[in-house]
Amino acid sequence: MSVTSHVPNVPQIETDDATDPGLRQVIERAKVTKSPPPAWYRTMGNNPEVAKAFAGYWDLLHRGGTVPHDIKELARIQIAQMVGCEFCARQTSPLAASITEEQKMSCALPNWEHPDPKTRAALHYARTLTLDDGRDAEVYAELKKFYSYAEIIELSAFFCLTAGGNRMAKSWSIEPHGEVPAIPENAMSIHGSAEYESQHKSSHSA
C-alpha cells in the first residue's frame, strides 16, 4: 500500500489540535528524542491522559534508570524486529550513539551475538521475554553476572512495555509497512520461524 493511499486503523491528531498543553509538549519533545517519534504520540493523542502517562513511564524506563541507554535501545530494536513492527524498527534514539548499522540489522538474527557480554546478556533476556523460548534459567544466570535485581526489574519493565507498544503500533498501522523494510530476512519472530512469517504474508497477499 502506498503512502498516499495508506489509511491507519487509528488516525493521528494534528499537533495544532492538541489543546492539552501537556500533550503538545510530549509531541514536541518526541521530535527530539525520536524513539518513539511524534506520529506515535499523535496517535495516542486521541486519549491525551493515556498519551501523557505513557510518555512519562517510557522516559523513566528508556532514558532513565541505571542500565545504559544504548543497551536498552539496541534491545528495543531487536524486540521491534521480532514482533515485526517496521514502524518501531525504523526508529533510532539520537542518544544511542554507539549502535552501528550492522548491529541494528543483525540483533534479531538467531546466531548473532553482541561482542560485549553485558549487552549480550540483556539482548538474551529481551529475546526470552519476547519469544517465551523457555530459556529463563540460563538467561537469569547470565543476567545476574552483570545486573542487580533492581536493574533486572528495569529491563523487564522496559522490554515488556516495548513489546506491547510494538504490537499496538503494528495494529494501529501508523505508517505503511514494507516500502523500505527495516527487518532483516530470517529474523527471530514471535510467529515462530521465518518460513511461517513468509507463508503468512503470502496468504494475505494472495
Protein backbone atom coordinates (compact mmCIF):
# COMPACT_ATOMS: atom_id res chain seq x y z
CA MET A 1 0.00 0.00 0.00
CA SER A 2 1.44 3.38 -0.97
CA VAL A 3 1.98 6.27 1.42
CA THR A 4 -0.71 8.32 -0.31
CA SER A 5 -3.36 5.58 -0.08
CA HIS A 6 -2.47 4.32 3.40
CA VAL A 7 -5.31 4.59 5.94
CA PRO A 8 -4.30 3.81 9.54
CA ASN A 9 -6.62 1.86 11.81
CA VAL A 10 -6.34 4.66 14.38
CA PRO A 11 -5.88 8.19 12.96
CA GLN A 12 -3.31 10.72 14.11
CA ILE A 13 -4.43 14.03 15.52
CA GLU A 14 -2.84 17.20 14.19
CA THR A 15 -0.39 18.81 16.59
CA ASP A 16 -2.34 22.07 16.34
CA ASP A 17 -5.44 20.18 17.53
CA ALA A 18 -3.70 19.11 20.74
CA THR A 19 -5.45 21.51 23.12
CA ASP A 20 -3.89 19.85 26.18
CA PRO A 21 -0.58 21.69 26.75
CA GLY A 22 0.95 18.59 28.34
CA LEU A 23 0.18 16.51 25.26
CA ARG A 24 1.54 19.18 22.95
CA GLN A 25 4.76 19.20 24.99
CA VAL A 26 5.03 15.40 24.67
CA ILE A 27 4.59 15.59 20.87
CA GLU A 28 7.15 18.38 20.53
CA ARG A 29 9.69 16.54 22.69
CA ALA A 30 9.29 13.42 20.54
CA LYS A 31 10.70 15.42 17.60
CA VAL A 32 13.99 15.46 19.51
CA THR A 33 14.02 12.07 21.27
CA LYS A 34 12.65 10.22 18.19
CA SER A 35 12.06 6.83 19.79
CA PRO A 36 9.12 6.87 19.59
CA PRO A 37 8.57 9.71 17.09
CA PRO A 38 5.73 12.29 17.05
CA ALA A 39 3.49 10.02 14.94
CA TRP A 40 3.23 7.65 17.91
CA TYR A 41 2.08 10.37 20.29
CA ARG A 42 -0.21 11.96 17.72
CA THR A 43 -1.92 8.56 17.51
CA MET A 44 -2.02 8.15 21.28
CA GLY A 45 -3.23 11.75 21.42
CA ASN A 46 -6.75 10.51 20.78
CA ASN A 47 -6.59 9.87 24.52
CA PRO A 48 -4.37 12.65 25.97
CA GLU A 49 -4.24 11.28 29.51
CA VAL A 50 -3.04 7.88 28.33
CA ALA A 51 -0.50 9.50 25.98
CA LYS A 52 0.96 11.65 28.75
CA ALA A 53 1.10 8.78 31.24
CA PHE A 54 2.76 6.52 28.65
CA ALA A 55 5.34 9.21 27.83
CA GLY A 56 6.29 9.60 31.49
CA TYR A 57 6.69 5.86 32.05
CA TRP A 58 8.56 5.42 28.76
CA ASP A 59 11.02 8.19 29.62
CA LEU A 60 11.60 6.68 33.06
CA LEU A 61 12.43 3.26 31.61
CA HIS A 62 14.09 4.12 28.29
CA ARG A 63 16.12 7.23 29.06
CA GLY A 64 16.22 6.94 32.86
CA GLY A 65 17.28 4.21 35.25
CA THR A 66 20.79 2.85 35.69
CA VAL A 67 21.08 0.44 32.74
CA PRO A 68 22.94 2.20 29.88
CA HIS A 69 20.60 3.73 27.32
CA ASP A 70 22.46 2.19 24.36
CA ILE A 71 21.84 -1.32 25.71
CA LYS A 72 18.12 -0.70 26.11
CA GLU A 73 17.86 0.96 22.70
CA LEU A 74 19.51 -1.97 20.89
CA ALA A 75 17.17 -4.35 22.74
CA ARG A 76 14.22 -2.15 21.72
CA ILE A 77 15.24 -2.51 18.05
CA GLN A 78 15.65 -6.27 18.49
CA ILE A 79 12.18 -6.57 20.02
CA ALA A 80 10.65 -4.48 17.22
CA GLN A 81 12.14 -6.81 14.65
CA MET A 82 10.94 -9.92 16.48
CA VAL A 83 7.41 -8.53 16.85
CA GLY A 84 7.51 -7.50 13.19
CA CYS A 85 6.81 -3.77 13.61
CA GLU A 86 8.66 -1.87 10.91
CA PHE A 87 7.45 1.47 12.28
CA CYS A 88 9.28 0.77 15.54
CA ALA A 89 12.25 -0.96 13.91
CA ARG A 90 12.97 2.12 11.77
CA GLN A 91 13.39 4.36 14.81
CA THR A 92 16.74 5.13 16.40
CA SER A 93 17.37 7.20 19.52
CA PRO A 94 19.86 10.04 18.91
CA LEU A 95 21.27 9.32 22.37
CA ALA A 96 22.34 5.79 21.36
CA ALA A 97 25.48 6.86 19.53
CA SER A 98 27.39 3.59 19.92
CA ILE A 99 24.89 1.44 17.99
CA THR A 100 26.12 0.64 14.47
CA GLU A 101 24.07 -0.09 11.37
CA GLU A 102 25.44 -3.63 11.40
CA GLN A 103 24.17 -4.13 14.94
CA LYS A 104 20.73 -2.75 14.06
CA MET A 105 20.32 -5.16 11.17
CA SER A 106 21.81 -8.17 12.98
CA CYS A 107 20.48 -8.00 16.54
CA ALA A 108 17.43 -10.22 15.86
CA LEU A 109 19.23 -12.83 13.76
CA PRO A 110 19.29 -16.23 15.52
CA ASN A 111 23.06 -16.75 15.54
CA TRP A 112 24.24 -13.16 16.01
CA GLU A 113 25.87 -12.32 19.34
CA HIS A 114 26.93 -8.91 20.63
CA PRO A 115 30.65 -8.80 21.50
CA ASP A 116 30.06 -7.06 24.86
CA PRO A 117 28.94 -9.65 27.47
CA LYS A 118 26.78 -7.18 29.45
CA THR A 119 24.91 -6.11 26.32
CA ARG A 120 24.68 -9.72 25.17
CA ALA A 121 23.03 -10.73 28.45
CA ALA A 122 20.39 -8.00 28.09
CA LEU A 123 19.67 -9.00 24.48
CA HIS A 124 19.27 -12.63 25.52
CA TYR A 125 16.80 -11.52 28.19
CA ALA A 126 14.85 -9.37 25.72
CA ARG A 127 14.65 -12.34 23.37
CA THR A 128 13.42 -14.72 26.04
CA LEU A 129 10.77 -12.30 27.35
CA THR A 130 9.52 -11.61 23.83
CA LEU A 131 9.62 -15.11 22.38
CA ASP A 132 8.87 -17.03 25.61
CA ASP A 133 11.50 -19.52 24.50
CA GLY A 134 11.85 -21.37 27.80
CA ARG A 135 15.44 -20.30 28.48
CA ASP A 136 14.72 -18.50 31.76
CA ALA A 137 17.18 -20.42 33.96
CA GLU A 138 20.04 -19.91 31.51
CA VAL A 139 19.17 -16.25 30.91
CA TYR A 140 18.84 -15.32 34.59
CA ALA A 141 22.13 -16.98 35.45
CA GLU A 142 23.76 -14.80 32.80
CA LEU A 143 21.88 -11.64 33.81
CA LYS A 144 22.91 -11.85 37.46
CA LYS A 145 26.58 -11.60 36.49
CA PHE A 146 26.05 -8.04 35.26
CA TYR A 147 22.80 -6.61 36.68
CA SER A 148 21.34 -6.03 40.14
CA TYR A 149 17.79 -7.16 40.87
CA ALA A 150 16.68 -3.54 40.57
CA GLU A 151 18.21 -3.38 37.09
CA ILE A 152 16.59 -6.68 36.12
CA ILE A 153 13.24 -5.14 37.07
CA GLU A 154 14.14 -2.08 34.99
CA LEU A 155 14.96 -4.25 31.98
CA SER A 156 11.86 -6.43 32.46
CA ALA A 157 9.53 -3.45 32.61
CA PHE A 158 11.13 -1.76 29.62
CA PHE A 159 11.21 -4.86 27.44
CA CYS A 160 7.57 -5.73 28.16
CA LEU A 161 6.46 -2.12 27.59
CA THR A 162 8.40 -2.15 24.32
CA ALA A 163 6.84 -5.40 23.12
CA GLY A 164 3.34 -4.17 23.96
CA GLY A 165 3.99 -0.83 22.28
CA ASN A 166 5.22 -2.60 19.17
CA ARG A 167 2.05 -4.67 19.00
CA MET A 168 -0.05 -1.52 19.38
CA ALA A 169 1.85 0.38 16.69
CA LYS A 170 1.61 -2.55 14.31
CA SER A 171 -2.11 -2.97 14.98
CA TRP A 172 -2.81 0.75 14.65
CA SER A 173 -0.94 0.68 11.31
CA ILE A 174 0.50 4.13 11.96
CA GLU A 175 2.52 4.09 8.74
CA PRO A 176 2.58 1.81 5.68
CA HIS A 177 4.79 -1.27 6.10
CA GLY A 178 7.13 -2.83 3.60
CA GLU A 179 8.14 0.16 1.49
CA VAL A 180 11.64 0.26 3.00
CA PRO A 181 11.94 -2.93 5.06
CA ALA A 182 13.61 -2.38 8.43
CA ILE A 183 13.57 -6.02 9.48
CA PRO A 184 16.22 -8.41 8.13
CA GLU A 185 15.25 -11.67 6.50
CA ASN A 186 15.42 -14.67 8.84
CA ALA A 187 14.99 -12.54 11.96
CA MET A 188 13.63 -14.34 15.00
CA SER A 189 9.87 -13.85 15.22
CA ILE A 190 7.05 -14.13 17.74
CA HIS A 191 5.28 -16.08 14.98
CA GLY A 192 7.91 -18.80 15.00
CA SER A 193 10.12 -19.49 12.03
CA ALA A 194 10.92 -17.13 9.18
CA GLU A 195 9.21 -19.65 6.89
CA TYR A 196 5.95 -19.17 8.83
CA GLU A 197 6.19 -15.41 8.52
CA SER A 198 6.81 -15.69 4.77
CA GLN A 199 3.83 -18.01 4.30
CA HIS A 200 1.65 -15.75 6.45
CA LYS A 201 2.45 -12.71 4.30
CA SER A 202 1.89 -14.69 1.10
CA SER A 203 -1.55 -15.88 2.23
CA HIS A 204 -2.63 -12.30 2.85
CA SER A 205 -1.36 -11.04 -0.49
CA ALA A 206 -2.92 -13.88 -2.48
